[in-house]
PDB file of N, CA and C in Angstrom:
ATOM      1  N   UNK A   1     120.173-227.538-172.702  1.00  0.00           N
ATOM      2  CA  UNK A   1     119.093-227.273-172.799  1.00  0.00           C
ATOM      3  C   UNK A   1     118.698-227.598-171.314  1.00  0.00           C
ATOM      4  N   UNK A   2     118.491-226.929-170.541  1.00  0.00           N
ATOM      5  CA  UNK A   2     117.609-227.448-169.076  1.00  0.00           C
ATOM      6  C   UNK A   2     116.410-227.956-168.824  1.00  0.00           C
ATOM      7  N   UNK A   3     116.435-228.841-167.865  1.00  0.00           N
ATOM      8  CA  UNK A   3     115.311-229.677-167.521  1.00  0.00           C
ATOM      9  C   UNK A   3     114.932-230.016-166.373  1.00  0.00           C
ATOM     10  N   UNK A   4     113.858-230.004-165.625  1.00  0.00           N
ATOM     11  CA  UNK A   4     113.434-230.422-164.455  1.00  0.00           C
ATOM     12  C   UNK A   4     113.645-232.033-163.979  1.00  0.00           C
ATOM     13  N   UNK A   5     114.236-232.292-163.354  1.00  0.00           N
ATOM     14  CA  UNK A   5     115.168-233.712-162.626  1.00  0.00           C
ATOM     15  C   UNK A   5     114.269-234.146-161.453  1.00  0.00           C
ATOM     16  N   UNK A   6     114.326-235.577-160.751  1.00  0.00           N
ATOM     17  CA  UNK A   6     113.982-235.581-159.250  1.00  0.00           C
ATOM     18  C   UNK A   6     115.163-235.685-158.290  1.00  0.00           C
ATOM     19  N   UNK A   7     115.166-235.572-157.602  1.00  0.00           N
ATOM     20  CA  UNK A   7     116.247-236.478-156.756  1.00  0.00           C
ATOM     21  C   UNK A   7     115.917-236.070-155.328  1.00  0.00           C
ATOM     22  N   UNK A   8     116.564-237.778-154.850  1.00  0.00           N
ATOM     23  CA  UNK A   8     115.521-237.484-153.067  1.00  0.00           C
ATOM     24  C   UNK A   8     114.362-236.933-152.731  1.00  0.00           C
ATOM     25  N   UNK A   9     113.563-236.895-154.006  1.00  0.00           N
ATOM     26  CA  UNK A   9     112.580-236.687-153.351  1.00  0.00           C
ATOM     27  C   UNK A   9     112.216-235.208-153.844  1.00  0.00           C
ATOM     28  N   UNK A  10     113.128-234.393-154.468  1.00  0.00           N
ATOM     29  CA  UNK A  10     112.706-233.303-155.470  1.00  0.00           C
ATOM     30  C   UNK A  10     113.016-232.205-155.884  1.00  0.00           C
ATOM     31  N   UNK A  11     111.957-231.759-156.873  1.00  0.00           N
ATOM     32  CA  UNK A  11     112.315-231.230-158.353  1.00  0.00           C
ATOM     33  C   UNK A  11     113.380-230.460-157.939  1.00  0.00           C
ATOM     34  N   UNK A  12     114.198-230.170-159.184  1.00  0.00           N
ATOM     35  CA  UNK A  12     115.170-229.450-159.209  1.00  0.00           C
ATOM     36  C   UNK A  12     115.915-229.003-161.279  1.00  0.00           C
ATOM     37  N   UNK A  13     116.437-228.455-161.113  1.00  0.00           N
ATOM     38  CA  UNK A  13     117.159-228.074-162.377  1.00  0.00           C
ATOM     39  C   UNK A  13     117.842-228.036-162.782  1.00  0.00           C
ATOM     40  N   UNK A  14     118.475-229.311-164.010  1.00  0.00           N
ATOM     41  CA  UNK A  14     119.400-229.584-164.732  1.00  0.00           C
ATOM     42  C   UNK A  14     119.679-229.239-165.952  1.00  0.00           C
ATOM     43  N   UNK A  15     121.197-229.277-166.643  1.00  0.00           N
ATOM     44  CA  UNK A  15     120.984-229.217-168.120  1.00  0.00           C
ATOM     45  C   UNK A  15     122.046-230.385-168.597  1.00  0.00           C
ATOM     46  N   UNK A  16     121.809-229.951-170.086  1.00  0.00           N
ATOM     47  CA  UNK A  16     122.652-230.914-170.840  1.00  0.00           C
ATOM     48  C   UNK A  16     122.836-230.150-171.603  1.00  0.00           C
ATOM     49  N   UNK A  17     123.980-231.658-172.902  1.00  0.00           N
ATOM     50  CA  UNK A  17     124.739-230.351-173.683  1.00  0.00           C
ATOM     51  C   UNK A  17     124.456-231.222-174.817  1.00  0.00           C
ATOM     52  N   UNK A  18     124.431-230.192-176.521  1.00  0.00           N
ATOM     53  CA  UNK A  18     124.312-231.614-177.753  1.00  0.00           C
ATOM     54  C   UNK A  18     125.533-230.616-178.326  1.00  0.00           C
ATOM     55  N   UNK A  19     125.967-231.127-179.367  1.00  0.00           N
ATOM     56  CA  UNK A  19     126.692-230.576-180.462  1.00  0.00           C
ATOM     57  C   UNK A  19     126.030-230.380-181.937  1.00  0.00           C
ATOM     58  N   UNK A  20     125.305-231.603-181.985  1.00  0.00           N
ATOM     59  CA  UNK A  20     124.253-231.982-183.060  1.00  0.00           C
ATOM     60  C   UNK A  20     123.120-231.847-182.845  1.00  0.00           C
ATOM     61  N   UNK A  21     122.384-231.729-181.538  1.00  0.00           N
ATOM     62  CA  UNK A  21     121.156-232.485-181.209  1.00  0.00           C
ATOM     63  C   UNK A  21     120.838-233.456-181.296  1.00  0.00           C
ATOM     64  N   UNK A  22     121.032-234.504-181.296  1.00  0.00           N
ATOM     65  CA  UNK A  22     120.887-235.640-181.211  1.00  0.00           C
ATOM     66  C   UNK A  22     121.508-236.513-180.398  1.00  0.00           C
ATOM     67  N   UNK A  23     122.752-236.442-179.854  1.00  0.00           N
ATOM     68  CA  UNK A  23     123.462-236.753-178.864  1.00  0.00           C
ATOM     69  C   UNK A  23     123.289-235.882-177.816  1.00  0.00           C
ATOM     70  N   UNK A  24     123.511-236.053-176.469  1.00  0.00           N
ATOM     71  CA  UNK A  24     123.532-235.340-175.249  1.00  0.00           C
ATOM     72  C   UNK A  24     124.135-235.917-174.472  1.00  0.00           C
ATOM     73  N   UNK A  25     125.073-234.873-173.887  1.00  0.00           N
ATOM     74  CA  UNK A  25     125.714-235.238-172.088  1.00  0.00           C
ATOM     75  C   UNK A  25     125.066-234.478-171.717  1.00  0.00           C
ATOM     76  N   UNK A  26     124.606-235.018-169.790  1.00  0.00           N
ATOM     77  CA  UNK A  26     123.540-234.087-168.875  1.00  0.00           C
ATOM     78  C   UNK A  26     124.339-234.446-168.061  1.00  0.00           C
ATOM     79  N   UNK A  27     124.797-233.443-167.493  1.00  0.00           N
ATOM     80  CA  UNK A  27     125.680-233.053-166.019  1.00  0.00           C
ATOM     81  C   UNK A  27     124.508-233.284-164.689  1.00  0.00           C
ATOM     82  N   UNK A  28     124.845-234.508-164.007  1.00  0.00           N
ATOM     83  CA  UNK A  28     124.522-235.064-162.936  1.00  0.00           C
ATOM     84  C   UNK A  28     124.477-234.240-161.763  1.00  0.00           C
ATOM     85  N   UNK A  29     125.012-233.261-161.574  1.00  0.00           N
ATOM     86  CA  UNK A  29     124.562-232.016-160.545  1.00  0.00           C
ATOM     87  C   UNK A  29     123.531-231.353-160.681  1.00  0.00           C
ATOM     88  N   UNK A  30     122.503-230.899-159.791  1.00  0.00           N
ATOM     89  CA  UNK A  30     121.475-229.843-160.699  1.00  0.00           C
ATOM     90  C   UNK A  30     122.369-228.957-160.422  1.00  0.00           C
ATOM     91  N   UNK A  31     121.981-227.591-161.799  1.00  0.00           N
ATOM     92  CA  UNK A  31     122.300-226.551-162.230  1.00  0.00           C
ATOM     93  C   UNK A  31     121.567-225.571-161.083  1.00  0.00           C
ATOM     94  N   UNK A  32     120.633-225.752-160.586  1.00  0.00           N
ATOM     95  CA  UNK A  32     119.852-224.949-159.791  1.00  0.00           C
ATOM     96  C   UNK A  32     118.955-225.831-158.656  1.00  0.00           C
ATOM     97  N   UNK A  33     118.717-225.809-157.377  1.00  0.00           N
ATOM     98  CA  UNK A  33     118.215-226.502-156.113  1.00  0.00           C
ATOM     99  C   UNK A  33     117.234-225.284-155.681  1.00  0.00           C
ATOM    100  N   UNK A  34     116.036-226.327-155.067  1.00  0.00           N
ATOM    101  CA  UNK A  34     114.915-225.016-154.655  1.00  0.00           C
ATOM    102  C   UNK A  34     115.287-224.708-153.236  1.00  0.00           C
ATOM    103  N   UNK A  35     116.358-224.612-152.485  1.00  0.00           N
ATOM    104  CA  UNK A  35     116.298-224.316-151.291  1.00  0.00           C
ATOM    105  C   UNK A  35     116.191-223.028-151.038  1.00  0.00           C
ATOM    106  N   UNK A  36     117.071-222.319-151.970  1.00  0.00           N
ATOM    107  CA  UNK A  36     117.251-220.666-151.230  1.00  0.00           C
ATOM    108  C   UNK A  36     115.921-220.473-151.692  1.00  0.00           C
ATOM    109  N   UNK A  37     114.957-220.681-152.582  1.00  0.00           N
ATOM    110  CA  UNK A  37     113.446-220.433-152.568  1.00  0.00           C
ATOM    111  C   UNK A  37     112.728-220.414-151.479  1.00  0.00           C
ATOM    112  N   UNK A  38     112.919-221.230-151.058  1.00  0.00           N
ATOM    113  CA  UNK A  38     112.117-221.449-150.418  1.00  0.00           C
ATOM    114  C   UNK A  38     110.894-222.083-150.749  1.00  0.00           C
ATOM    115  N   UNK A  39     111.485-223.175-151.729  1.00  0.00           N
ATOM    116  CA  UNK A  39     110.064-224.079-151.910  1.00  0.00           C
ATOM    117  C   UNK A  39     110.790-225.830-152.224  1.00  0.00           C
ATOM    118  N   UNK A  40     109.981-225.999-152.576  1.00  0.00           N
ATOM    119  CA  UNK A  40     110.568-227.708-151.738  1.00  0.00           C
ATOM    120  C   UNK A  40     110.806-228.511-152.506  1.00  0.00           C
ATOM    121  N   UNK A  41     110.111-227.999-154.456  1.00  0.00           N
ATOM    122  CA  UNK A  41     110.514-228.525-155.899  1.00  0.00           C
ATOM    123  C   UNK A  41     110.243-227.056-156.720  1.00  0.00           C
ATOM    124  N   UNK A  42     111.526-227.197-157.789  1.00  0.00           N
ATOM    125  CA  UNK A  42     111.817-226.554-159.121  1.00  0.00           C
ATOM    126  C   UNK A  42     111.194-226.775-160.166  1.00  0.00           C
ATOM    127  N   UNK A  43     110.396-226.433-160.543  1.00  0.00           N
ATOM    128  CA  UNK A  43     109.927-226.737-162.612  1.00  0.00           C
ATOM    129  C   UNK A  43     109.890-226.503-163.247  1.00  0.00           C
ATOM    130  N   UNK A  44     109.951-226.780-164.851  1.00  0.00           N
ATOM    131  CA  UNK A  44     109.506-225.835-166.304  1.00  0.00           C
ATOM    132  C   UNK A  44     110.608-224.743-166.227  1.00  0.00           C
ATOM    133  N   UNK A  45     112.504-225.257-166.239  1.00  0.00           N
ATOM    134  CA  UNK A  45     113.085-223.384-166.807  1.00  0.00           C
ATOM    135  C   UNK A  45     112.835-223.232-167.603  1.00  0.00           C
ATOM    136  N   UNK A  46     113.648-221.843-167.963  1.00  0.00           N
ATOM    137  CA  UNK A  46     113.849-221.264-169.234  1.00  0.00           C
ATOM    138  C   UNK A  46     114.735-220.569-169.166  1.00  0.00           C
ATOM    139  N   UNK A  47     115.959-221.125-170.014  1.00  0.00           N
ATOM    140  CA  UNK A  47     117.344-220.162-170.315  1.00  0.00           C
ATOM    141  C   UNK A  47     117.076-218.761-170.622  1.00  0.00           C
ATOM    142  N   UNK A  48     117.432-217.470-170.013  1.00  0.00           N
ATOM    143  CA  UNK A  48     117.395-216.305-170.688  1.00  0.00           C
ATOM    144  C   UNK A  48     118.930-215.058-170.108  1.00  0.00           C
ATOM    145  N   UNK A  49     119.249-215.295-171.821  1.00  0.00           N
ATOM    146  CA  UNK A  49     120.664-214.448-171.795  1.00  0.00           C
ATOM    147  C   UNK A  49     120.432-213.006-171.548  1.00  0.00           C
ATOM    148  N   UNK A  50     120.626-212.258-170.397  1.00  0.00           N
ATOM    149  CA  UNK A  50     120.890-210.638-170.287  1.00  0.00           C
ATOM    150  C   UNK A  50     122.213-210.002-170.090  1.00  0.00           C
ATOM    151  N   UNK A  51     122.773-208.908-170.221  1.00  0.00           N
ATOM    152  CA  UNK A  51     123.225-208.430-169.505  1.00  0.00           C
ATOM    153  C   UNK A  51     124.592-209.286-169.213  1.00  0.00           C
ATOM    154  N   UNK A  52     125.277-209.879-170.305  1.00  0.00           N
ATOM    155  CA  UNK A  52     126.273-210.135-170.338  1.00  0.00           C
ATOM    156  C   UNK A  52     126.415-211.450-169.839  1.00  0.00           C
ATOM    157  N   UNK A  53     125.094-212.026-169.120  1.00  0.00           N
ATOM    158  CA  UNK A  53     125.345-213.402-168.054  1.00  0.00           C
ATOM    159  C   UNK A  53     123.897-214.533-168.956  1.00  0.00           C
ATOM    160  N   UNK A  54     123.932-215.274-168.290  1.00  0.00           N
ATOM    161  CA  UNK A  54     122.681-216.255-168.127  1.00  0.00           C
ATOM    162  C   UNK A  54     122.066-216.372-167.025  1.00  0.00           C
ATOM    163  N   UNK A  55     120.653-216.409-167.410  1.00  0.00           N
ATOM    164  CA  UNK A  55     119.946-216.351-165.566  1.00  0.00           C
ATOM    165  C   UNK A  55     118.961-217.682-166.164  1.00  0.00           C
ATOM    166  N   UNK A  56     118.503-219.073-165.341  1.00  0.00           N
ATOM    167  CA  UNK A  56     117.658-219.450-165.133  1.00  0.00           C
ATOM    168  C   UNK A  56     116.211-218.934-164.432  1.00  0.00           C
ATOM    169  N   UNK A  57     115.073-219.001-165.170  1.00  0.00           N
ATOM    170  CA  UNK A  57     113.742-218.848-164.720  1.00  0.00           C
ATOM    171  C   UNK A  57     113.088-220.269-164.455  1.00  0.00           C
ATOM    172  N   UNK A  58     112.423-219.894-163.358  1.00  0.00           N
ATOM    173  CA  UNK A  58     111.683-221.291-163.508  1.00  0.00           C
ATOM    174  C   UNK A  58     110.222-221.619-162.424  1.00  0.00           C
ATOM    175  N   UNK A  59     109.611-222.095-162.386  1.00  0.00           N
ATOM    176  CA  UNK A  59     108.867-221.746-161.224  1.00  0.00           C
ATOM    177  C   UNK A  59     108.847-222.709-159.648  1.00  0.00           C
ATOM    178  N   UNK A  60     108.005-222.569-158.825  1.00  0.00           N
ATOM    179  CA  UNK A  60     108.040-223.158-157.788  1.00  0.00           C
ATOM    180  C   UNK A  60     106.550-223.744-157.240  1.00  0.00           C
ATOM    181  N   UNK A  61     106.604-224.528-156.125  1.00  0.00           N
ATOM    182  CA  UNK A  61     104.639-224.993-155.901  1.00  0.00           C
ATOM    183  C   UNK A  61     104.211-223.751-155.273  1.00  0.00           C
ATOM    184  N   UNK A  62     104.894-222.269-154.785  1.00  0.00           N
ATOM    185  CA  UNK A  62     104.287-221.352-154.479  1.00  0.00           C
ATOM    186  C   UNK A  62     103.350-220.645-155.342  1.00  0.00           C
ATOM    187  N   UNK A  63     103.603-220.735-157.202  1.00  0.00           N
ATOM    188  CA  UNK A  63     102.396-220.303-157.795  1.00  0.00           C
ATOM    189  C   UNK A  63     103.510-218.740-158.471  1.00  0.00           C
ATOM    190  N   UNK A  64     104.987-218.875-158.075  1.00  0.00           N
ATOM    191  CA  UNK A  64     105.538-217.544-157.804  1.00  0.00           C
ATOM    192  C   UNK A  64     106.427-218.121-158.980  1.00  0.00           C
ATOM    193  N   UNK A  65     107.450-217.603-160.138  1.00  0.00           N
ATOM    194  CA  UNK A  65     108.087-217.056-160.897  1.00  0.00           C
ATOM    195  C   UNK A  65     109.591-216.758-160.124  1.00  0.00           C
ATOM    196  N   UNK A  66     110.812-218.109-160.629  1.00  0.00           N
ATOM    197  CA  UNK A  66     111.824-217.563-159.665  1.00  0.00           C
ATOM    198  C   UNK A  66     113.073-216.948-160.647  1.00  0.00           C
ATOM    199  N   UNK A  67     113.981-216.287-160.135  1.00  0.00           N
ATOM    200  CA  UNK A  67     115.505-216.356-161.341  1.00  0.00           C
ATOM    201  C   UNK A  67     116.702-216.915-160.347  1.00  0.00           C
ATOM    202  N   UNK A  68     117.253-217.603-161.010  1.00  0.00           N
ATOM    203  CA  UNK A  68     118.715-217.465-160.902  1.00  0.00           C
ATOM    204  C   UNK A  68     119.927-217.327-161.543  1.00  0.00           C
ATOM    205  N   UNK A  69     120.635-216.446-161.254  1.00  0.00           N
ATOM    206  CA  UNK A  69     122.062-216.073-162.168  1.00  0.00           C
ATOM    207  C   UNK A  69     123.022-217.776-161.528  1.00  0.00           C
ATOM    208  N   UNK A  70     123.026-218.194-162.847  1.00  0.00           N
ATOM    209  CA  UNK A  70     123.725-219.501-163.953  1.00  0.00           C
ATOM    210  C   UNK A  70     125.273-219.076-164.557  1.00  0.00           C
ATOM    211  N   UNK A  71     125.508-218.088-165.012  1.00  0.00           N
ATOM    212  CA  UNK A  71     126.222-217.953-165.555  1.00  0.00           C
ATOM    213  C   UNK A  71     126.664-218.202-166.936  1.00  0.00           C
ATOM    214  N   UNK A  72     127.354-217.788-167.858  1.00  0.00           N
ATOM    215  CA  UNK A  72     127.163-218.022-169.370  1.00  0.00           C
ATOM    216  C   UNK A  72     127.750-219.671-168.709  1.00  0.00           C
ATOM    217  N   UNK A  73     129.237-220.424-168.077  1.00  0.00           N
ATOM    218  CA  UNK A  73     129.504-221.716-167.842  1.00  0.00           C
ATOM    219  C   UNK A  73     128.698-222.183-167.820  1.00  0.00           C
ATOM    220  N   UNK A  74     127.796-221.968-166.734  1.00  0.00           N
ATOM    221  CA  UNK A  74     126.935-222.225-165.985  1.00  0.00           C
ATOM    222  C   UNK A  74     127.562-223.245-164.667  1.00  0.00           C
ATOM    223  N   UNK A  75     128.437-222.053-164.034  1.00  0.00           N
ATOM    224  CA  UNK A  75     129.393-222.378-163.265  1.00  0.00           C
ATOM    225  C   UNK A  75     128.866-221.175-161.543  1.00  0.00           C
ATOM    226  N   UNK A  76     127.710-220.997-161.355  1.00  0.00           N
ATOM    227  CA  UNK A  76     127.483-220.245-160.512  1.00  0.00           C
ATOM    228  C   UNK A  76     125.738-220.763-159.938  1.00  0.00           C
ATOM    229  N   UNK A  77     125.474-220.642-159.019  1.00  0.00           N
ATOM    230  CA  UNK A  77     123.910-220.476-158.344  1.00  0.00           C
ATOM    231  C   UNK A  77     123.443-219.093-157.682  1.00  0.00           C
ATOM    232  N   UNK A  78     123.648-218.172-158.187  1.00  0.00           N
ATOM    233  CA  UNK A  78     123.133-216.439-157.346  1.00  0.00           C
ATOM    234  C   UNK A  78     121.305-216.666-157.298  1.00  0.00           C
ATOM    235  N   UNK A  79     120.610-217.368-156.298  1.00  0.00           N
ATOM    236  CA  UNK A  79     119.571-217.053-156.316  1.00  0.00           C
ATOM    237  C   UNK A  79     118.731-215.578-156.510  1.00  0.00           C
ATOM    238  N   UNK A  80     118.144-215.098-156.518  1.00  0.00           N
ATOM    239  CA  UNK A  80     117.655-213.570-156.933  1.00  0.00           C
ATOM    240  C   UNK A  80     116.203-213.441-156.597  1.00  0.00           C
ATOM    241  N   UNK A  81     115.914-214.586-156.022  1.00  0.00           N
ATOM    242  CA  UNK A  81     114.299-214.554-155.747  1.00  0.00           C
ATOM    243  C   UNK A  81     113.210-214.542-156.876  1.00  0.00           C
ATOM    244  N   UNK A  82     112.124-213.548-156.594  1.00  0.00           N
ATOM    245  CA  UNK A  82     110.817-214.109-157.124  1.00  0.00           C
ATOM    246  C   UNK A  82     111.043-213.333-158.634  1.00  0.00           C
ATOM    247  N   UNK A  83     110.682-213.141-159.948  1.00  0.00           N
ATOM    248  CA  UNK A  83     110.609-212.940-161.163  1.00  0.00           C
ATOM    249  C   UNK A  83     109.804-212.463-161.418  1.00  0.00           C
ATOM    250  N   UNK A  84     108.509-213.160-161.277  1.00  0.00           N
ATOM    251  CA  UNK A  84     106.975-212.636-161.284  1.00  0.00           C
ATOM    252  C   UNK A  84     106.675-213.187-160.245  1.00  0.00           C
ATOM    253  N   UNK A  85     105.906-212.649-159.660  1.00  0.00           N
ATOM    254  CA  UNK A  85     104.862-212.144-158.638  1.00  0.00           C
ATOM    255  C   UNK A  85     103.325-212.904-158.927  1.00  0.00           C
ATOM    256  N   UNK A  86     102.678-213.884-159.498  1.00  0.00           N
ATOM    257  CA  UNK A  86     101.645-214.989-159.776  1.00  0.00           C
ATOM    258  C   UNK A  86     100.471-213.785-159.151  1.00  0.00           C
ATOM    259  N   UNK A  87      99.842-212.486-159.705  1.00  0.00           N
ATOM    260  CA  UNK A  87      98.856-211.654-159.417  1.00  0.00           C
ATOM    261  C   UNK A  87      97.976-212.623-158.818  1.00  0.00           C
ATOM    262  N   UNK A  88      96.867-212.132-157.899  1.00  0.00           N
ATOM    263  CA  UNK A  88      95.925-213.161-157.525  1.00  0.00           C
ATOM    264  C   UNK A  88      94.370-213.085-158.804  1.00  0.00           C
ATOM    265  N   UNK A  89      94.717-211.689-159.394  1.00  0.00           N
ATOM    266  CA  UNK A  89      93.301-212.190-160.088  1.00  0.00           C
ATOM    267  C   UNK A  89      93.893-212.658-161.525  1.00  0.00           C
ATOM    268  N   UNK A  90      92.885-212.833-162.834  1.00  0.00           N
ATOM    269  CA  UNK A  90      93.057-212.406-163.940  1.00  0.00           C
ATOM    270  C   UNK A  90      94.459-211.711-164.626  1.00  0.00           C
ATOM    271  N   UNK A  91      95.448-212.565-165.709  1.00  0.00           N
ATOM    272  CA  UNK A  91      95.039-213.581-165.875  1.00  0.00           C
ATOM    273  C   UNK A  91      95.756-214.691-165.172  1.00  0.00           C
ATOM    274  N   UNK A  92      96.773-214.708-163.640  1.00  0.00           N
ATOM    275  CA  UNK A  92      96.941-215.595-162.854  1.00  0.00           C
ATOM    276  C   UNK A  92      96.770-216.410-162.202  1.00  0.00           C
ATOM    277  N   UNK A  93      95.361-215.696-161.583  1.00  0.00           N
ATOM    278  CA  UNK A  93      94.972-216.454-160.599  1.00  0.00           C
ATOM    279  C   UNK A  93      95.278-217.074-159.557  1.00  0.00           C
ATOM    280  N   UNK A  94      96.678-216.260-158.991  1.00  0.00           N
ATOM    281  CA  UNK A  94      97.351-217.175-157.482  1.00  0.00           C
ATOM    282  C   UNK A  94      97.891-217.787-158.349  1.00  0.00           C
ATOM    283  N   UNK A  95      98.401-218.762-160.057  1.00  0.00           N
ATOM    284  CA  UNK A  95      99.893-219.357-160.360  1.00  0.00           C
ATOM    285  C   UNK A  95     100.180-218.560-161.718  1.00  0.00           C
ATOM    286  N   UNK A  96     101.523-218.635-161.946  1.00  0.00           N
ATOM    287  CA  UNK A  96     102.113-218.766-162.959  1.00  0.00           C
ATOM    288  C   UNK A  96     103.186-219.568-162.932  1.00  0.00           C
ATOM    289  N   UNK A  97     103.340-220.367-164.729  1.00  0.00           N
ATOM    290  CA  UNK A  97     104.275-221.344-164.296  1.00  0.00           C
ATOM    291  C   UNK A  97     105.112-221.008-165.749  1.00  0.00           C
ATOM    292  N   UNK A  98     106.413-222.001-165.918  1.00  0.00           N
ATOM    293  CA  UNK A  98     106.534-222.159-167.310  1.00  0.00           C
ATOM    294  C   UNK A  98     107.083-221.110-168.359  1.00  0.00           C
ATOM    295  N   UNK A  99     107.414-220.474-168.452  1.00  0.00           N
ATOM    296  CA  UNK A  99     107.646-218.786-168.669  1.00  0.00           C
ATOM    297  C   UNK A  99     108.489-219.521-169.990  1.00  0.00           C
ATOM    298  N   UNK A 100     108.668-218.989-170.910  1.00  0.00           N
ATOM    299  CA  UNK A 100     109.546-218.754-172.194  1.00  0.00           C
ATOM    300  C   UNK A 100     109.410-217.203-172.304  1.00  0.00           C
ATOM    301  N   UNK A 101     110.871-217.140-173.408  1.00  0.00           N
ATOM    302  CA  UNK A 101     110.783-216.441-173.757  1.00  0.00           C
ATOM    303  C   UNK A 101     111.269-215.109-175.343  1.00  0.00           C
ATOM    304  N   UNK A 102     110.992-214.684-175.619  1.00  0.00           N
ATOM    305  CA  UNK A 102     111.456-214.205-177.176  1.00  0.00           C
ATOM    306  C   UNK A 102     111.466-212.534-177.363  1.00  0.00           C
ATOM    307  N   UNK A 103     111.958-212.251-178.010  1.00  0.00           N
ATOM    308  CA  UNK A 103     111.858-210.839-178.887  1.00  0.00           C
ATOM    309  C   UNK A 103     111.781-210.307-180.808  1.00  0.00           C
ATOM    310  N   UNK A 104     110.796-209.554-180.214  1.00  0.00           N
ATOM    311  CA  UNK A 104     110.286-209.264-181.123  1.00  0.00           C
ATOM    312  C   UNK A 104     110.398-207.297-181.655  1.00  0.00           C
ATOM    313  N   UNK A 105     111.131-207.155-182.675  1.00  0.00           N
ATOM    314  CA  UNK A 105     110.985-205.500-182.845  1.00  0.00           C
ATOM    315  C   UNK A 105     111.529-205.184-181.543  1.00  0.00           C
ATOM    316  N   UNK A 106     112.084-205.360-181.315  1.00  0.00           N
ATOM    317  CA  UNK A 106     112.951-204.734-180.285  1.00  0.00           C
ATOM    318  C   UNK A 106     112.719-205.066-178.548  1.00  0.00           C
ATOM    319  N   UNK A 107     111.065-205.865-178.665  1.00  0.00           N
ATOM    320  CA  UNK A 107     110.517-205.814-177.765  1.00  0.00           C
ATOM    321  C   UNK A 107     110.221-206.889-176.831  1.00  0.00           C
ATOM    322  N   UNK A 108     110.967-207.253-175.234  1.00  0.00           N
ATOM    323  CA  UNK A 108     110.509-208.224-175.077  1.00  0.00           C
ATOM    324  C   UNK A 108     109.548-208.736-174.368  1.00  0.00           C
ATOM    325  N   UNK A 109     109.205-210.819-174.492  1.00  0.00           N
ATOM    326  CA  UNK A 109     107.841-211.037-174.205  1.00  0.00           C
ATOM    327  C   UNK A 109     107.950-211.931-173.654  1.00  0.00           C
ATOM    328  N   UNK A 110     107.064-212.398-172.584  1.00  0.00           N
ATOM    329  CA  UNK A 110     107.306-213.722-171.728  1.00  0.00           C
ATOM    330  C   UNK A 110     106.051-214.174-172.134  1.00  0.00           C
ATOM    331  N   UNK A 111     105.792-215.606-172.453  1.00  0.00           N
ATOM    332  CA  UNK A 111     104.717-216.422-172.671  1.00  0.00           C
ATOM    333  C   UNK A 111     105.219-217.390-171.742  1.00  0.00           C
ATOM    334  N   UNK A 112     103.673-217.231-170.510  1.00  0.00           N
ATOM    335  CA  UNK A 112     103.435-218.508-169.452  1.00  0.00           C
ATOM    336  C   UNK A 112     102.269-218.701-169.295  1.00  0.00           C
ATOM    337  N   UNK A 113     102.759-220.058-168.576  1.00  0.00           N
ATOM    338  CA  UNK A 113     101.033-220.507-168.057  1.00  0.00           C
ATOM    339  C   UNK A 113     101.111-220.006-166.925  1.00  0.00           C
ATOM    340  N   UNK A 114      99.264-219.739-166.938  1.00  0.00           N
ATOM    341  CA  UNK A 114      98.799-218.766-165.880  1.00  0.00           C
ATOM    342  C   UNK A 114      97.720-219.425-166.004  1.00  0.00           C
ATOM    343  N   UNK A 115      96.997-219.284-164.358  1.00  0.00           N
ATOM    344  CA  UNK A 115      95.757-220.153-163.492  1.00  0.00           C
ATOM    345  C   UNK A 115      96.201-221.488-162.973  1.00  0.00           C
ATOM    346  N   UNK A 116      95.076-222.186-162.198  1.00  0.00           N
ATOM    347  CA  UNK A 116      95.377-222.905-161.586  1.00  0.00           C
ATOM    348  C   UNK A 116      95.664-224.356-162.593  1.00  0.00           C
ATOM    349  N   UNK A 117      95.878-225.141-161.667  1.00  0.00           N
ATOM    350  CA  UNK A 117      96.859-226.542-162.666  1.00  0.00           C
ATOM    351  C   UNK A 117      94.623-226.788-163.173  1.00  0.00           C
ATOM    352  N   UNK A 118      94.456-227.367-164.330  1.00  0.00           N
ATOM    353  CA  UNK A 118      93.338-227.657-165.116  1.00  0.00           C
ATOM    354  C   UNK A 118      92.068-226.563-165.664  1.00  0.00           C
ATOM    355  N   UNK A 119      93.097-225.528-165.307  1.00  0.00           N
ATOM    356  CA  UNK A 119      92.562-224.063-165.816  1.00  0.00           C
ATOM    357  C   UNK A 119      93.002-223.058-166.187  1.00  0.00           C
ATOM    358  N   UNK A 120      93.918-223.462-166.678  1.00  0.00           N
ATOM    359  CA  UNK A 120      95.553-223.385-167.183  1.00  0.00           C
ATOM    360  C   UNK A 120      94.553-221.948-168.817  1.00  0.00           C
ATOM    361  N   UNK A 121      95.465-220.952-169.670  1.00  0.00           N
ATOM    362  CA  UNK A 121      95.967-220.478-169.933  1.00  0.00           C
ATOM    363  C   UNK A 121      97.369-220.085-170.138  1.00  0.00           C
ATOM    364  N   UNK A 122      97.359-219.656-171.721  1.00  0.00           N
ATOM    365  CA  UNK A 122      98.731-219.421-172.024  1.00  0.00           C
ATOM    366  C   UNK A 122      98.462-217.288-171.593  1.00  0.00           C
ATOM    367  N   UNK A 123      99.529-216.594-170.831  1.00  0.00           N
ATOM    368  CA  UNK A 123      99.489-215.287-170.911  1.00  0.00           C
ATOM    369  C   UNK A 123     100.930-214.486-171.560  1.00  0.00           C
ATOM    370  N   UNK A 124     100.566-213.808-172.119  1.00  0.00           N
ATOM    371  CA  UNK A 124     101.493-212.812-172.427  1.00  0.00           C
ATOM    372  C   UNK A 124     102.039-212.022-171.753  1.00  0.00           C
ATOM    373  N   UNK A 125     103.120-211.128-171.166  1.00  0.00           N
ATOM    374  CA  UNK A 125     103.803-210.321-171.176  1.00  0.00           C
ATOM    375  C   UNK A 125     104.655-209.857-171.796  1.00  0.00           C
ATOM    376  N   UNK A 126     104.524-208.260-171.797  1.00  0.00           N
ATOM    377  CA  UNK A 126     105.484-207.655-172.628  1.00  0.00           C
ATOM    378  C   UNK A 126     106.005-206.819-171.172  1.00  0.00           C
ATOM    379  N   UNK A 127     107.345-206.476-172.106  1.00  0.00           N
ATOM    380  CA  UNK A 127     108.551-205.489-171.125  1.00  0.00           C
ATOM    381  C   UNK A 127     108.268-204.077-171.201  1.00  0.00           C
ATOM    382  N   UNK A 128     108.207-203.342-171.010  1.00  0.00           N
ATOM    383  CA  UNK A 128     107.774-201.665-170.816  1.00  0.00           C
ATOM    384  C   UNK A 128     108.865-200.730-169.906  1.00  0.00           C
TER     385      UNK A 128
END
């Protein structure tokens, strides 16, 4: 699992593993740090496997989502930049966050939190 943790006052992405879903081992070293994305903190990670490798997609305080390749062994941290730039108008209204991914009938979808805090909605994006 991937999750947000705080070290030295900064939100970072960490990971843990479990063979039974009950007992977990957590790596104390951040999987993804916010600096290369010019963010002071990052949160709400989602693991995405594509093209034979693993990525983490997450949001920063800027309102945009970012993507970092971490590799199948979680041994990389290659920041690839903005994954989704929040649209000024609906549904994002300047903020997109907390992505989640799924596939149905061979079509890829992303569900995400859209809108400013306090007036958010769940948005759906479909790959074309």
